[in-house]
Amino acid sequence: MVFHPDSFPPPLPGEPPSKSSRKREMQALQDLGAELAALPSGQLKKIPLPEALALAIAEARRFAGKHEALRRQMQYVGKLMRGVDPEPIRTRLDALRGLAVGEAARQHRLERLRDDLLADEKVVERIANDWPQADIQRLRLLRRNALKEREQQRPPKAYREIFRVLRDINDDEGQV
C-alpha cells in the first residue's frame, strides 16, 4: 500500500506531528525508495541521488527474491531517504513516467504511419513533405520488400527496418 503524506490532514498549528503521521511519512519515503529500486538502470541514472542512497538502492536490487533481506534493505533505504529532499526525486520520477507515456504514444504513431505506408503508396509523399531529409527512395524500396515478405510469409525484416528509418528521421526532426 502506497501512502502519500499529503493525503492526510496536517497537524494543528503549534502541535508536533503525531506518531501516526510520522510513520506515514516514513512509509511514503520507503515506498519512494522502492519505486527507485524498481526502475530500470538507465532511468535510475537520470535521477540525482546522494551516493549513499544510490549504493543502498543498488544493494536492494541485488536482493531480489530474498524477501527478508530485501525488506531490511528497503527499511535502510527509507532511513536514508529521510535525510534527502524527496520532492526533486518525485518530480523526476513523474517526468520519467510522463516520458514513458509520451514515448509509447510516439511509437504508436510511428507504427500507424508504417502501416499506412504499406497500405498506400501516397503516404510516401506525405513523409517527403513532413521530413524533407528522408530518403524516399529507400523507403519505397523497403515498402516493396516488406510487401513481398508479407506475401511470401517471410520474417518481417524490411517491415522492422521501415520503423527504424521512420524513428530516425522523426528523431532528427522531432515531429510526427
Protein backbone atom coordinates (compact mmCIF):
# COMPACT_ATOMS: atom_id res chain seq x y z
CA MET A 1 0.00 0.00 0.00
CA VAL A 2 1.42 3.35 -1.02
CA PHE A 3 0.90 6.26 1.35
CA HIS A 4 1.49 9.82 0.38
CA PRO A 5 1.97 12.27 3.24
CA ASP A 6 -0.18 14.90 1.51
CA SER A 7 -3.26 12.65 1.68
CA PHE A 8 -3.66 13.17 5.43
CA PRO A 9 -4.57 16.38 7.27
CA PRO A 10 -1.66 18.38 8.65
CA PRO A 11 -1.21 18.70 12.41
CA LEU A 12 -2.76 21.68 14.12
CA PRO A 13 -0.54 24.77 14.35
CA GLY A 14 1.84 24.62 17.28
CA GLU A 15 1.44 20.86 17.76
CA PRO A 16 4.12 18.37 16.75
CA PRO A 17 3.10 15.81 14.14
CA SER A 18 1.50 12.71 15.61
CA LYS A 19 3.34 9.41 15.73
CA SER A 20 0.98 8.02 13.09
CA SER A 21 1.68 10.89 10.70
CA ARG A 22 5.43 10.48 11.20
CA LYS A 23 5.05 6.74 10.42
CA ARG A 24 3.04 7.56 7.28
CA GLU A 25 5.76 9.96 6.14
CA MET A 26 8.46 7.36 6.74
CA GLN A 27 6.42 4.73 4.88
CA ALA A 28 5.92 7.13 1.96
CA LEU A 29 9.69 7.69 1.79
CA GLN A 30 10.30 3.94 1.92
CA ASP A 31 7.75 3.45 -0.88
CA LEU A 32 9.53 6.12 -2.91
CA GLY A 33 12.78 4.22 -2.37
CA ALA A 34 11.08 1.02 -3.54
CA GLU A 35 9.94 2.83 -6.69
CA LEU A 36 13.52 3.91 -7.31
CA ALA A 37 14.76 0.36 -6.82
CA ALA A 38 12.21 -0.91 -9.35
CA LEU A 39 13.35 1.50 -12.08
CA PRO A 40 15.48 0.26 -14.97
CA SER A 41 19.16 1.15 -14.59
CA GLY A 42 19.08 3.72 -17.39
CA GLN A 43 16.25 5.67 -15.80
CA LEU A 44 17.73 5.41 -12.31
CA LYS A 45 20.95 7.04 -13.53
CA LYS A 46 18.92 10.07 -14.67
CA ILE A 47 17.80 10.80 -11.11
CA PRO A 48 20.33 12.71 -9.00
CA LEU A 49 20.75 10.79 -5.73
CA PRO A 50 23.28 11.06 -2.92
CA GLU A 51 25.98 8.41 -3.22
CA ALA A 52 24.94 6.51 -0.07
CA LEU A 53 21.34 6.29 -1.26
CA ALA A 54 22.37 5.17 -4.75
CA LEU A 55 24.54 2.43 -3.25
CA ALA A 56 21.73 1.30 -0.93
CA ILE A 57 19.31 1.10 -3.87
CA ALA A 58 21.85 -0.86 -5.91
CA GLU A 59 22.23 -3.23 -2.98
CA ALA A 60 18.45 -3.62 -2.70
CA ARG A 61 18.30 -4.62 -6.37
CA ARG A 62 20.72 -7.44 -5.64
CA PHE A 63 18.36 -8.82 -3.00
CA ALA A 64 15.51 -9.52 -5.43
CA GLY A 65 13.95 -12.82 -4.43
CA LYS A 66 15.40 -12.72 -0.91
CA HIS A 67 12.35 -11.44 0.92
CA GLU A 68 13.73 -10.71 4.40
CA ALA A 69 17.00 -9.23 3.17
CA LEU A 70 15.12 -7.04 0.71
CA ARG A 71 12.70 -5.88 3.43
CA ARG A 72 15.57 -4.85 5.73
CA GLN A 73 17.41 -3.14 2.89
CA MET A 74 14.29 -1.21 1.92
CA GLN A 75 13.96 -0.05 5.53
CA TYR A 76 17.54 1.19 5.31
CA VAL A 77 16.73 2.95 2.03
CA GLY A 78 13.76 4.56 3.79
CA LYS A 79 16.04 5.72 6.58
CA LEU A 80 18.44 7.28 4.08
CA MET A 81 15.50 8.91 2.27
CA ARG A 82 14.64 10.82 5.46
CA GLY A 83 17.85 12.83 5.01
CA VAL A 84 17.06 13.72 1.40
CA ASP A 85 14.55 16.19 -0.01
CA PRO A 86 12.08 13.86 -1.75
CA GLU A 87 10.36 16.47 -3.93
CA PRO A 88 13.07 16.67 -6.65
CA ILE A 89 13.09 12.87 -6.77
CA ARG A 90 9.28 12.70 -7.05
CA THR A 91 9.34 15.40 -9.73
CA ARG A 92 11.97 13.50 -11.72
CA LEU A 93 10.03 10.22 -11.34
CA ASP A 94 6.86 11.91 -12.59
CA ALA A 95 8.79 13.30 -15.55
CA LEU A 96 10.17 9.84 -16.35
CA ARG A 97 6.68 8.36 -16.19
CA GLY A 98 5.45 11.10 -18.49
CA LEU A 99 8.30 10.47 -20.89
CA ALA A 100 7.46 6.79 -20.92
CA VAL A 101 3.84 7.56 -21.75
CA GLY A 102 4.86 10.12 -24.38
CA GLU A 103 7.40 7.73 -25.86
CA ALA A 104 4.80 4.96 -26.10
CA ALA A 105 2.39 7.32 -27.87
CA ARG A 106 5.15 8.36 -30.29
CA GLN A 107 5.97 4.73 -31.04
CA HIS A 108 2.29 4.02 -31.75
CA ARG A 109 2.10 6.99 -34.13
CA LEU A 110 5.17 5.73 -35.99
CA GLU A 111 3.71 2.21 -36.17
CA ARG A 112 0.46 3.60 -37.64
CA LEU A 113 2.47 5.62 -40.15
CA ARG A 114 4.37 2.47 -41.15
CA ASP A 115 1.10 0.55 -41.59
CA ASP A 116 -0.36 3.43 -43.61
CA LEU A 117 2.77 3.42 -45.76
CA LEU A 118 2.34 -0.26 -46.51
CA ALA A 119 -1.35 0.21 -47.29
CA ASP A 120 -0.95 3.23 -49.59
CA GLU A 121 1.95 4.40 -51.76
CA LYS A 122 0.79 8.05 -51.45
CA VAL A 123 1.91 8.14 -47.80
CA VAL A 124 5.48 8.38 -49.13
CA GLU A 125 4.62 11.85 -50.46
CA ARG A 126 3.29 12.87 -47.03
CA ILE A 127 6.53 11.65 -45.44
CA ALA A 128 8.54 13.58 -48.03
CA ASN A 129 6.57 16.77 -47.20
CA ASP A 130 6.89 16.30 -43.43
CA TRP A 131 10.55 15.26 -43.49
CA PRO A 132 12.48 16.68 -46.46
CA GLN A 133 15.67 14.95 -45.26
CA ALA A 134 14.04 11.49 -45.55
CA ASP A 135 15.49 9.06 -48.07
CA ILE A 136 12.30 8.48 -50.08
CA GLN A 137 13.87 6.04 -52.49
CA ARG A 138 14.99 3.83 -49.62
CA LEU A 139 11.53 3.98 -48.05
CA ARG A 140 9.94 2.90 -51.36
CA LEU A 141 12.39 0.01 -51.63
CA LEU A 142 11.71 -1.05 -48.04
CA ARG A 143 7.97 -0.82 -48.69
CA ARG A 144 8.25 -3.11 -51.72
CA ASN A 145 10.42 -5.56 -49.77
CA ALA A 146 8.03 -5.55 -46.80
CA LEU A 147 5.05 -6.26 -49.04
CA LYS A 148 6.99 -9.05 -50.72
CA GLU A 149 7.97 -10.51 -47.33
CA ARG A 150 4.37 -10.45 -46.19
CA GLU A 151 3.22 -12.08 -49.41
CA GLN A 152 5.85 -14.84 -49.17
CA GLN A 153 5.32 -15.22 -45.39
CA ARG A 154 8.95 -14.50 -44.64
CA PRO A 155 10.28 -12.82 -41.47
CA PRO A 156 9.43 -9.07 -41.43
CA LYS A 157 12.97 -7.70 -41.78
CA ALA A 158 12.06 -4.80 -44.11
CA TYR A 159 8.90 -4.10 -42.06
CA ARG A 160 11.06 -3.53 -38.98
CA GLU A 161 13.59 -1.53 -40.95
CA ILE A 162 10.83 0.87 -42.08
CA PHE A 163 10.06 1.58 -38.43
CA ARG A 164 13.74 2.25 -37.67
CA VAL A 165 14.01 4.64 -40.62
CA LEU A 166 10.84 6.49 -39.58
CA ARG A 167 12.05 6.69 -35.98
CA ASP A 168 15.44 8.04 -37.07
CA ILE A 169 14.01 10.76 -39.31
CA ASN A 170 11.48 11.62 -36.60
CA ASP A 171 14.29 11.94 -34.06
CA ASP A 172 16.21 14.24 -36.40
CA GLU A 173 13.20 16.50 -36.92
CA GLY A 174 11.37 15.99 -33.62
CA GLN A 175 7.87 15.57 -35.03
CA VAL A 176 5.32 13.03 -36.29
